[in-house]
Amino acid sequence: MTEKSGESGAAKRERKQVLLRLDPAVHAAMAKWAADNLRSVNAQIEVVLRDALKDAGRDPKAPPLRGQGRPRKKDD
């Protein structure tokens, strides 16, 4: 995004894309867990990875994730 669109470079950081191969049973369990938390599977995997990094004392210097669930609608 550009400055003209109103978003700064820090606010809209480019995200890394990673190909991840999962056992179908693991994916199904992650999908159910994600649905229970109103997240996508991708977001749920990122939450689990961030928690594991934090528990291991390797907390990433990354901006926090948005809260769980759907974003609130803006009042017009």
PDB file of N, CA and C in Angstrom:
ATOM      1  N   MET A   1       0.836  -1.173   0.000  1.00  0.00           N
ATOM      2  CA  MET A   1       0.000   0.000   0.000  1.00  0.00           C
ATOM      3  C   MET A   1       0.884   1.240   0.000  1.00  0.00           C
ATOM      4  N   THR A   2       0.365   2.280  -0.510  1.00  0.00           N
ATOM      5  CA  THR A   2       1.127   3.520  -0.568  1.00  0.00           C
ATOM      6  C   THR A   2       0.634   4.491   0.480  1.00  0.00           C
ATOM      7  N   GLU A   3       1.416   5.537   0.708  1.00  0.00           N
ATOM      8  CA  GLU A   3       1.021   6.568   1.648  1.00  0.00           C
ATOM      9  C   GLU A   3      -0.268   7.247   1.205  1.00  0.00           C
ATOM     10  N   LYS A   4      -0.506   7.310  -0.116  1.00  0.00           N
ATOM     11  CA  LYS A   4      -1.711   7.961  -0.622  1.00  0.00           C
ATOM     12  C   LYS A   4      -2.975   7.262  -0.157  1.00  0.00           C
ATOM     13  N   SER A   5      -2.911   5.961   0.068  1.00  0.00           N
ATOM     14  CA  SER A   5      -4.103   5.225   0.474  1.00  0.00           C
ATOM     15  C   SER A   5      -4.401   5.396   1.956  1.00  0.00           C
ATOM     16  N   GLY A   6      -3.501   6.082   2.684  1.00  0.00           N
ATOM     17  CA  GLY A   6      -3.769   6.352   4.086  1.00  0.00           C
ATOM     18  C   GLY A   6      -3.168   5.336   5.042  1.00  0.00           C
ATOM     19  N   GLU A   7      -2.452   4.348   4.550  1.00  0.00           N
ATOM     20  CA  GLU A   7      -1.854   3.355   5.432  1.00  0.00           C
ATOM     21  C   GLU A   7      -0.352   3.478   5.369  1.00  0.00           C
ATOM     22  N   SER A   8       0.279   3.502   6.534  1.00  0.00           N
ATOM     23  CA  SER A   8       1.732   3.610   6.568  1.00  0.00           C
ATOM     24  C   SER A   8       2.363   2.252   6.294  1.00  0.00           C
ATOM     25  N   GLY A   9       3.636   2.253   5.970  1.00  0.00           N
ATOM     26  CA  GLY A   9       4.348   1.010   5.693  1.00  0.00           C
ATOM     27  C   GLY A   9       4.392   0.094   6.899  1.00  0.00           C
ATOM     28  N   ALA A  10       4.529   0.658   8.101  1.00  0.00           N
ATOM     29  CA  ALA A  10       4.571  -0.150   9.309  1.00  0.00           C
ATOM     30  C   ALA A  10       3.211  -0.766   9.616  1.00  0.00           C
ATOM     31  N   ALA A  11       2.143  -0.048   9.299  1.00  0.00           N
ATOM     32  CA  ALA A  11       0.805  -0.552   9.599  1.00  0.00           C
ATOM     33  C   ALA A  11       0.409  -1.693   8.670  1.00  0.00           C
ATOM     34  N   LYS A  12       0.901  -1.688   7.452  1.00  0.00           N
ATOM     35  CA  LYS A  12       0.533  -2.722   6.484  1.00  0.00           C
ATOM     36  C   LYS A  12       1.795  -3.439   6.031  1.00  0.00           C
ATOM     37  N   ARG A  13       2.367  -4.229   6.916  1.00  0.00           N
ATOM     38  CA  ARG A  13       3.599  -4.951   6.647  1.00  0.00           C
ATOM     39  C   ARG A  13       3.316  -6.135   5.725  1.00  0.00           C
ATOM     40  N   GLU A  14       4.204  -6.360   4.776  1.00  0.00           N
ATOM     41  CA  GLU A  14       4.039  -7.503   3.877  1.00  0.00           C
ATOM     42  C   GLU A  14       4.240  -8.788   4.665  1.00  0.00           C
ATOM     43  N   ARG A  15       3.378  -9.767   4.453  1.00  0.00           N
ATOM     44  CA  ARG A  15       3.443 -11.020   5.191  1.00  0.00           C
ATOM     45  C   ARG A  15       4.134 -12.086   4.352  1.00  0.00           C
ATOM     46  N   LYS A  16       4.857 -12.949   5.004  1.00  0.00           N
ATOM     47  CA  LYS A  16       5.542 -14.055   4.343  1.00  0.00           C
ATOM     48  C   LYS A  16       4.530 -15.139   3.986  1.00  0.00           C
ATOM     49  N   GLN A  17       4.724 -15.724   2.838  1.00  0.00           N
ATOM     50  CA  GLN A  17       3.886 -16.845   2.423  1.00  0.00           C
ATOM     51  C   GLN A  17       4.698 -18.121   2.573  1.00  0.00           C
ATOM     52  N   VAL A  18       4.091 -19.132   3.191  1.00  0.00           N
ATOM     53  CA  VAL A  18       4.782 -20.388   3.453  1.00  0.00           C
ATOM     54  C   VAL A  18       3.883 -21.534   3.020  1.00  0.00           C
ATOM     55  N   LEU A  19       4.445 -22.445   2.259  1.00  0.00           N
ATOM     56  CA  LEU A  19       3.714 -23.652   1.897  1.00  0.00           C
ATOM     57  C   LEU A  19       3.877 -24.639   3.048  1.00  0.00           C
ATOM     58  N   LEU A  20       2.778 -25.121   3.585  1.00  0.00           N
ATOM     59  CA  LEU A  20       2.815 -26.018   4.727  1.00  0.00           C
ATOM     60  C   LEU A  20       2.035 -27.285   4.391  1.00  0.00           C
ATOM     61  N   ARG A  21       2.684 -28.400   4.512  1.00  0.00           N
ATOM     62  CA  ARG A  21       2.014 -29.675   4.269  1.00  0.00           C
ATOM     63  C   ARG A  21       1.626 -30.276   5.611  1.00  0.00           C
ATOM     64  N   LEU A  22       0.347 -30.581   5.768  1.00  0.00           N
ATOM     65  CA  LEU A  22      -0.163 -31.142   7.007  1.00  0.00           C
ATOM     66  C   LEU A  22      -0.861 -32.462   6.752  1.00  0.00           C
ATOM     67  N   ASP A  23      -0.797 -33.327   7.725  1.00  0.00           N
ATOM     68  CA  ASP A  23      -1.588 -34.543   7.694  1.00  0.00           C
ATOM     69  C   ASP A  23      -3.059 -34.119   7.697  1.00  0.00           C
ATOM     70  N   PRO A  24      -3.915 -34.781   6.936  1.00  0.00           N
ATOM     71  CA  PRO A  24      -5.325 -34.389   6.889  1.00  0.00           C
ATOM     72  C   PRO A  24      -6.004 -34.359   8.264  1.00  0.00           C
ATOM     73  N   ALA A  25      -5.627 -35.261   9.151  1.00  0.00           N
ATOM     74  CA  ALA A  25      -6.232 -35.274  10.488  1.00  0.00           C
ATOM     75  C   ALA A  25      -5.793 -34.048  11.293  1.00  0.00           C
ATOM     76  N   VAL A  26      -4.536 -33.634  11.128  1.00  0.00           N
ATOM     77  CA  VAL A  26      -4.045 -32.437  11.818  1.00  0.00           C
ATOM     78  C   VAL A  26      -4.760 -31.204  11.272  1.00  0.00           C
ATOM     79  N   HIS A  27      -4.925 -31.145   9.958  1.00  0.00           N
ATOM     80  CA  HIS A  27      -5.620 -30.004   9.359  1.00  0.00           C
ATOM     81  C   HIS A  27      -7.072 -29.948   9.837  1.00  0.00           C
ATOM     82  N   ALA A  28      -7.723 -31.083   9.905  1.00  0.00           N
ATOM     83  CA  ALA A  28      -9.115 -31.116  10.361  1.00  0.00           C
ATOM     84  C   ALA A  28      -9.225 -30.634  11.809  1.00  0.00           C
ATOM     85  N   ALA A  29      -8.283 -31.047  12.655  1.00  0.00           N
ATOM     86  CA  ALA A  29      -8.293 -30.606  14.049  1.00  0.00           C
ATOM     87  C   ALA A  29      -8.042 -29.111  14.140  1.00  0.00           C
ATOM     88  N   MET A  30      -7.100 -28.588  13.336  1.00  0.00           N
ATOM     89  CA  MET A  30      -6.819 -27.153  13.322  1.00  0.00           C
ATOM     90  C   MET A  30      -8.030 -26.371  12.806  1.00  0.00           C
ATOM     91  N   ALA A  31      -8.695 -26.894  11.783  1.00  0.00           N
ATOM     92  CA  ALA A  31      -9.869 -26.226  11.219  1.00  0.00           C
ATOM     93  C   ALA A  31     -10.997 -26.141  12.247  1.00  0.00           C
ATOM     94  N   LYS A  32     -11.203 -27.211  13.012  1.00  0.00           N
ATOM     95  CA  LYS A  32     -12.240 -27.200  14.047  1.00  0.00           C
ATOM     96  C   LYS A  32     -11.879 -26.202  15.141  1.00  0.00           C
ATOM     97  N   TRP A  33     -10.622 -26.205  15.567  1.00  0.00           N
ATOM     98  CA  TRP A  33     -10.148 -25.287  16.604  1.00  0.00           C
ATOM     99  C   TRP A  33     -10.298 -23.840  16.124  1.00  0.00           C
ATOM    100  N   ALA A  34      -9.923 -23.599  14.877  1.00  0.00           N
ATOM    101  CA  ALA A  34     -10.035 -22.251  14.305  1.00  0.00           C
ATOM    102  C   ALA A  34     -11.495 -21.804  14.260  1.00  0.00           C
ATOM    103  N   ALA A  35     -12.371 -22.679  13.840  1.00  0.00           N
ATOM    104  CA  ALA A  35     -13.803 -22.341  13.771  1.00  0.00           C
ATOM    105  C   ALA A  35     -14.354 -22.027  15.158  1.00  0.00           C
ATOM    106  N   ASP A  36     -13.908 -22.771  16.166  1.00  0.00           N
ATOM    107  CA  ASP A  36     -14.354 -22.511  17.540  1.00  0.00           C
ATOM    108  C   ASP A  36     -13.947 -21.115  18.002  1.00  0.00           C
ATOM    109  N   ASN A  37     -12.817 -20.600  17.473  1.00  0.00           N
ATOM    110  CA  ASN A  37     -12.310 -19.280  17.847  1.00  0.00           C
ATOM    111  C   ASN A  37     -12.640 -18.206  16.815  1.00  0.00           C
ATOM    112  N   LEU A  38     -13.483 -18.539  15.839  1.00  0.00           N
ATOM    113  CA  LEU A  38     -13.858 -17.604  14.765  1.00  0.00           C
ATOM    114  C   LEU A  38     -12.631 -17.066  14.034  1.00  0.00           C
ATOM    115  N   ARG A  39     -11.701 -17.954  13.729  1.00  0.00           N
ATOM    116  CA  ARG A  39     -10.493 -17.588  12.986  1.00  0.00           C
ATOM    117  C   ARG A  39     -10.381 -18.472  11.756  1.00  0.00           C
ATOM    118  N   SER A  40      -9.547 -18.031  10.825  1.00  0.00           N
ATOM    119  CA  SER A  40      -9.190 -18.890   9.701  1.00  0.00           C
ATOM    120  C   SER A  40      -8.151 -19.896  10.196  1.00  0.00           C
ATOM    121  N   VAL A  41      -7.956 -20.958   9.448  1.00  0.00           N
ATOM    122  CA  VAL A  41      -6.927 -21.941   9.801  1.00  0.00           C
ATOM    123  C   VAL A  41      -5.562 -21.250   9.822  1.00  0.00           C
ATOM    124  N   ASN A  42      -5.303 -20.382   8.846  1.00  0.00           N
ATOM    125  CA  ASN A  42      -4.028 -19.674   8.790  1.00  0.00           C
ATOM    126  C   ASN A  42      -3.806 -18.839  10.053  1.00  0.00           C
ATOM    127  N   ALA A  43      -4.814 -18.104  10.473  1.00  0.00           N
ATOM    128  CA  ALA A  43      -4.692 -17.275  11.680  1.00  0.00           C
ATOM    129  C   ALA A  43      -4.492 -18.140  12.919  1.00  0.00           C
ATOM    130  N   GLN A  44      -5.179 -19.269  12.975  1.00  0.00           N
ATOM    131  CA  GLN A  44      -5.036 -20.160  14.131  1.00  0.00           C
ATOM    132  C   GLN A  44      -3.630 -20.731  14.202  1.00  0.00           C
ATOM    133  N   ILE A  45      -3.076 -21.118  13.059  1.00  0.00           N
ATOM    134  CA  ILE A  45      -1.703 -21.630  13.036  1.00  0.00           C
ATOM    135  C   ILE A  45      -0.739 -20.555  13.519  1.00  0.00           C
ATOM    136  N   GLU A  46      -0.945 -19.308  13.097  1.00  0.00           N
ATOM    137  CA  GLU A  46      -0.063 -18.226  13.539  1.00  0.00           C
ATOM    138  C   GLU A  46      -0.181 -18.011  15.046  1.00  0.00           C
ATOM    139  N   VAL A  47      -1.387 -18.081  15.608  1.00  0.00           N
ATOM    140  CA  VAL A  47      -1.570 -17.927  17.047  1.00  0.00           C
ATOM    141  C   VAL A  47      -0.832 -19.036  17.790  1.00  0.00           C
ATOM    142  N   VAL A  48      -0.967 -20.260  17.330  1.00  0.00           N
ATOM    143  CA  VAL A  48      -0.306 -21.398  17.982  1.00  0.00           C
ATOM    144  C   VAL A  48       1.212 -21.245  17.900  1.00  0.00           C
ATOM    145  N   LEU A  49       1.725 -20.836  16.742  1.00  0.00           N
ATOM    146  CA  LEU A  49       3.166 -20.638  16.597  1.00  0.00           C
ATOM    147  C   LEU A  49       3.676 -19.515  17.493  1.00  0.00           C
ATOM    148  N   ARG A  50       2.940 -18.407  17.558  1.00  0.00           N
ATOM    149  CA  ARG A  50       3.356 -17.291  18.427  1.00  0.00           C
ATOM    150  C   ARG A  50       3.375 -17.727  19.888  1.00  0.00           C
ATOM    151  N   ASP A  51       2.357 -18.487  20.319  1.00  0.00           N
ATOM    152  CA  ASP A  51       2.320 -18.972  21.702  1.00  0.00           C
ATOM    153  C   ASP A  51       3.501 -19.892  21.990  1.00  0.00           C
ATOM    154  N   ALA A  52       3.822 -20.765  21.051  1.00  0.00           N
ATOM    155  CA  ALA A  52       4.951 -21.678  21.230  1.00  0.00           C
ATOM    156  C   ALA A  52       6.269 -20.905  21.308  1.00  0.00           C
ATOM    157  N   LEU A  53       6.427 -19.883  20.468  1.00  0.00           N
ATOM    158  CA  LEU A  53       7.628 -19.058  20.513  1.00  0.00           C
ATOM    159  C   LEU A  53       7.738 -18.324  21.850  1.00  0.00           C
ATOM    160  N   LYS A  54       6.629 -17.809  22.322  1.00  0.00           N
ATOM    161  CA  LYS A  54       6.624 -17.087  23.597  1.00  0.00           C
ATOM    162  C   LYS A  54       6.996 -18.027  24.739  1.00  0.00           C
ATOM    163  N   ASP A  55       6.418 -19.233  24.742  1.00  0.00           N
ATOM    164  CA  ASP A  55       6.706 -20.215  25.786  1.00  0.00           C
ATOM    165  C   ASP A  55       8.171 -20.648  25.766  1.00  0.00           C
ATOM    166  N   ALA A  56       8.789 -20.634  24.586  1.00  0.00           N
ATOM    167  CA  ALA A  56      10.189 -21.028  24.441  1.00  0.00           C
ATOM    168  C   ALA A  56      11.149 -19.868  24.699  1.00  0.00           C
ATOM    169  N   GLY A  57      10.607 -18.699  25.035  1.00  0.00           N
ATOM    170  CA  GLY A  57      11.457 -17.539  25.278  1.00  0.00           C
ATOM    171  C   GLY A  57      12.003 -16.929  24.007  1.00  0.00           C
ATOM    172  N   ARG A  58      11.328 -17.151  22.905  1.00  0.00           N
ATOM    173  CA  ARG A  58      11.758 -16.631  21.601  1.00  0.00           C
ATOM    174  C   ARG A  58      10.675 -15.745  21.001  1.00  0.00           C
ATOM    175  N   ASP A  59      10.082 -14.921  21.847  1.00  0.00           N
ATOM    176  CA  ASP A  59       8.989 -14.044  21.432  1.00  0.00           C
ATOM    177  C   ASP A  59       9.409 -13.182  20.247  1.00  0.00           C
ATOM    178  N   PRO A  60       8.666 -13.239  19.135  1.00  0.00           N
ATOM    179  CA  PRO A  60       9.050 -12.455  17.957  1.00  0.00           C
ATOM    180  C   PRO A  60       8.775 -10.967  18.161  1.00  0.00           C
ATOM    181  N   LYS A  61       9.587 -10.162  17.525  1.00  0.00           N
ATOM    182  CA  LYS A  61       9.366  -8.712  17.542  1.00  0.00           C
ATOM    183  C   LYS A  61       8.417  -8.379  16.400  1.00  0.00           C
ATOM    184  N   ALA A  62       7.179  -8.781  16.563  1.00  0.00           N
ATOM    185  CA  ALA A  62       6.171  -8.594  15.519  1.00  0.00           C
ATOM    186  C   ALA A  62       4.977  -7.878  16.126  1.00  0.00           C
ATOM    187  N   PRO A  63       4.241  -7.129  15.306  1.00  0.00           N
ATOM    188  CA  PRO A  63       3.051  -6.470  15.835  1.00  0.00           C
ATOM    189  C   PRO A  63       2.042  -7.508  16.299  1.00  0.00           C
ATOM    190  N   PRO A  64       1.243  -7.177  17.301  1.00  0.00           N
ATOM    191  CA  PRO A  64       0.265  -8.142  17.802  1.00  0.00           C
ATOM    192  C   PRO A  64      -0.799  -8.447  16.761  1.00  0.00           C
ATOM    193  N   LEU A  65      -1.368  -9.630  16.889  1.00  0.00           N
ATOM    194  CA  LEU A  65      -2.461 -10.014  16.008  1.00  0.00           C
ATOM    195  C   LEU A  65      -3.727  -9.297  16.428  1.00  0.00           C
ATOM    196  N   ARG A  66      -4.635  -9.171  15.489  1.00  0.00           N
ATOM    197  CA  ARG A  66      -5.960  -8.636  15.770  1.00  0.00           C
ATOM    198  C   ARG A  66      -6.664  -9.612  16.713  1.00  0.00           C
ATOM    199  N   GLY A  67      -7.582  -9.135  17.522  1.00  0.00           N
ATOM    200  CA  GLY A  67      -8.317  -9.989  18.452  1.00  0.00           C
ATOM    201  C   GLY A  67      -9.115 -11.065  17.739  1.00  0.00           C
ATOM    202  N   GLN A  68      -9.549 -12.053  18.501  1.00  0.00           N
ATOM    203  CA  GLN A  68     -10.281 -13.153  17.878  1.00  0.00           C
ATOM    204  C   GLN A  68     -11.681 -12.734  17.480  1.00  0.00           C
ATOM    205  N   GLY A  69     -12.228 -13.396  16.512  1.00  0.00           N
ATOM    206  CA  GLY A  69     -13.573 -13.099  16.029  1.00  0.00           C
ATOM    207  C   GLY A  69     -13.567 -12.136  14.868  1.00  0.00           C
ATOM    208  N   ARG A  70     -14.736 -11.843  14.401  1.00  0.00           N
ATOM    209  CA  ARG A  70     -14.878 -10.947  13.261  1.00  0.00           C
ATOM    210  C   ARG A  70     -14.702  -9.496  13.700  1.00  0.00           C
ATOM    211  N   PRO A  71     -14.148  -8.664  12.811  1.00  0.00           N
ATOM    212  CA  PRO A  71     -14.009  -7.248  13.164  1.00  0.00           C
ATOM    213  C   PRO A  71     -15.382  -6.587  13.295  1.00  0.00           C
ATOM    214  N   ARG A  72     -15.448  -5.592  14.141  1.00  0.00           N
ATOM    215  CA  ARG A  72     -16.704  -4.863  14.305  1.00  0.00           C
ATOM    216  C   ARG A  72     -16.988  -4.023  13.076  1.00  0.00           C
ATOM    217  N   LYS A  73     -18.270  -3.885  12.761  1.00  0.00           N
ATOM    218  CA  LYS A  73     -18.665  -3.025  11.649  1.00  0.00           C
ATOM    219  C   LYS A  73     -18.558  -1.580  12.098  1.00  0.00           C
ATOM    220  N   LYS A  74     -18.062  -0.743  11.199  1.00  0.00           N
ATOM    221  CA  LYS A  74     -17.951   0.670  11.519  1.00  0.00           C
ATOM    222  C   LYS A  74     -19.312   1.321  11.354  1.00  0.00           C
ATOM    223  N   ASP A  75     -19.664   2.178  12.320  1.00  0.00           N
ATOM    224  CA  ASP A  75     -20.928   2.910  12.238  1.00  0.00           C
ATOM    225  C   ASP A  75     -20.809   4.019  11.205  1.00  0.00           C
ATOM    226  N   ASP A  76     -21.810   4.146  10.350  1.00  0.00           N
ATOM    227  CA  ASP A  76     -21.784   5.193   9.322  1.00  0.00           C
ATOM    228  C   ASP A  76     -22.307   6.500   9.835  1.00  0.00           C
TER     229      ASP A  76
END
